[in-house]
Protein backbone atom coordinates (compact mmCIF):
# COMPACT_ATOMS: atom_id res chain seq x y z
CA UNK A 1 -0.03 -1.63 32.70
CA UNK A 2 1.04 -1.77 29.08
CA UNK A 3 -1.01 -3.27 26.30
CA UNK A 4 -1.06 -3.64 22.53
CA UNK A 5 -4.27 -3.01 20.59
CA UNK A 6 -4.54 -4.10 16.98
CA UNK A 7 -6.92 -2.98 14.25
CA UNK A 8 -7.41 -3.23 10.52
CA UNK A 9 -8.14 -6.88 9.80
CA UNK A 10 -11.01 -8.07 7.65
CA UNK A 11 -12.11 -9.85 4.50
CA UNK A 12 -10.44 -8.98 1.20
CA UNK A 13 -10.38 -10.49 -2.26
CA UNK A 14 -7.20 -12.02 -3.69
CA UNK A 15 -4.96 -9.27 -5.03
CA UNK A 16 -6.39 -6.74 -2.61
CA UNK A 17 -4.77 -4.75 0.17
CA UNK A 18 -5.17 -4.26 3.91
CA UNK A 19 -3.36 -2.18 6.47
CA UNK A 20 -2.96 -3.39 10.04
CA UNK A 21 -2.16 -1.10 12.95
CA UNK A 22 -0.98 -1.88 16.46
CA UNK A 23 -0.75 0.78 19.15
CA UNK A 24 1.02 0.33 22.47
CA UNK A 25 -0.32 2.21 25.46
CA UNK A 26 0.52 2.57 29.13
CA UNK A 27 3.61 3.53 31.10
CA UNK A 28 6.09 3.14 28.27
CA UNK A 29 9.70 4.24 28.46
CA UNK A 30 10.78 2.79 25.13
CA UNK A 31 9.95 0.08 22.62
CA UNK A 32 12.69 -1.92 20.95
CA UNK A 33 11.71 -4.41 18.26
CA UNK A 34 8.11 -4.45 17.04
CA UNK A 35 6.73 -7.06 14.75
CA UNK A 36 3.88 -8.97 13.20
CA UNK A 37 3.31 -12.71 13.35
CA UNK A 38 0.50 -14.84 12.00
CA UNK A 39 -1.13 -18.15 12.71
CA UNK A 40 -3.25 -20.03 10.21
CA UNK A 41 -5.65 -22.80 11.30
CA UNK A 42 -3.73 -25.96 12.15
CA UNK A 43 -0.36 -24.28 11.78
CA UNK A 44 2.22 -22.80 14.13
CA UNK A 45 2.59 -19.09 14.63
CA UNK A 46 5.15 -17.69 12.19
CA UNK A 47 7.09 -14.49 11.76
CA UNK A 48 5.77 -12.05 9.15
CA UNK A 49 7.98 -8.99 9.68
CA UNK A 50 9.90 -7.10 12.34
CA UNK A 51 11.24 -3.57 12.65
CA UNK A 52 13.75 -2.11 15.09
CA UNK A 53 13.44 1.27 16.73
CA UNK A 54 15.94 2.58 14.20
CA UNK A 55 13.91 1.29 11.27
CA UNK A 56 15.77 -1.86 10.25
CA UNK A 57 13.34 -4.41 8.87
CA UNK A 58 13.17 -8.15 8.40
CA UNK A 59 10.58 -10.09 6.37
CA UNK A 60 9.52 -13.66 5.88
CA UNK A 61 10.36 -14.82 2.37
CA UNK A 62 6.68 -15.46 1.68
CA UNK A 63 5.76 -11.78 2.08
CA UNK A 64 8.82 -10.01 0.69
CA UNK A 65 7.87 -7.50 -1.98
CA UNK A 66 4.19 -7.55 -0.97
CA UNK A 67 4.14 -6.47 2.70
CA UNK A 68 5.72 -3.41 4.25
CA UNK A 69 6.24 -2.89 7.97
CA UNK A 70 6.68 0.59 9.41
CA UNK A 71 6.42 2.32 12.76
CA UNK A 72 5.78 5.69 14.33
CA UNK A 73 7.92 5.92 17.45
CA UNK A 74 6.15 9.06 18.66
CA UNK A 75 2.83 7.20 18.61
CA UNK A 76 4.23 3.84 19.79
CA UNK A 77 2.52 2.30 16.78
CA UNK A 78 3.54 -0.28 14.20
CA UNK A 79 1.85 -0.82 10.85
CA UNK A 80 1.73 -3.62 8.31
CA UNK A 81 0.74 -2.67 4.76
CA UNK A 82 -0.29 -5.82 2.94
CA UNK A 83 -0.60 -5.71 -0.85
CA UNK A 84 -1.23 -8.39 -3.48
CA UNK A 85 -2.86 -10.57 -0.85
CA UNK A 86 -3.19 -14.28 -1.49
CA UNK A 87 -5.52 -16.88 0.04
CA UNK A 88 -2.51 -18.38 1.83
CA UNK A 89 -2.13 -15.09 3.73
CA UNK A 90 -5.34 -15.93 5.59
CA UNK A 91 -4.55 -16.11 9.30
CA UNK A 92 -4.88 -14.38 12.63
CA UNK A 93 -2.24 -11.66 12.72
CA UNK A 94 -0.61 -10.81 16.04
CA UNK A 95 1.39 -7.74 16.98
CA UNK A 96 4.46 -8.18 19.17
CA UNK A 97 6.61 -5.60 20.95
CA UNK A 98 9.58 -5.55 23.30
CA UNK A 99 8.50 -2.85 25.75
CA UNK A 100 10.49 -1.17 28.50
CA UNK A 101 8.23 0.48 31.09
CA UNK A 102 8.85 3.65 33.05
CA UNK A 103 9.93 1.38 35.92
CA UNK A 104 12.62 0.08 33.53
CA UNK A 105 11.10 -3.38 33.38
CA UNK A 106 11.12 -5.23 30.07
CA UNK A 107 8.17 -7.17 28.70
CA UNK A 108 7.57 -9.16 25.55
CA UNK A 109 3.97 -8.26 24.75
CA UNK A 110 1.40 -9.67 22.33
CA UNK A 111 -1.75 -8.16 20.93
CA UNK A 112 -5.08 -9.93 20.94
CA UNK A 113 -4.89 -10.82 17.27
CA UNK A 114 -6.85 -9.66 14.24
CA UNK A 115 -8.33 -11.92 11.58
CA UNK A 116 -7.28 -11.47 7.96
CA UNK A 117 -9.23 -13.51 5.41
CA UNK A 118 -8.33 -13.50 1.73
CA UNK A 119 -11.11 -15.05 -0.32
CA UNK A 120 -13.21 -14.43 -3.38
């Protein structure tokens, strides 16, 4: 069984920073794309950022220049450094990963979500 476990959410003031982490565990052979998505109340889930195994990144326009995605392949972990946070960044943030297990089966996995609230 493979799962994603997120951590690092919380309450922060506008202009502040948070760092989210997401670790994959289980019978993992490899992980392709990893990413972060978010869903605000009453809105659809949207892409925040993705990163390939080789380190190529993609960001939503709304977070470019403020958020940085990175990963540690040895630890099967992806990070999201969020700086200059705005109230509109408030949402539940979800980790996503394309995982290949040791049985060479592919799964598109989601974490449980972590709340990020930006408010004074």
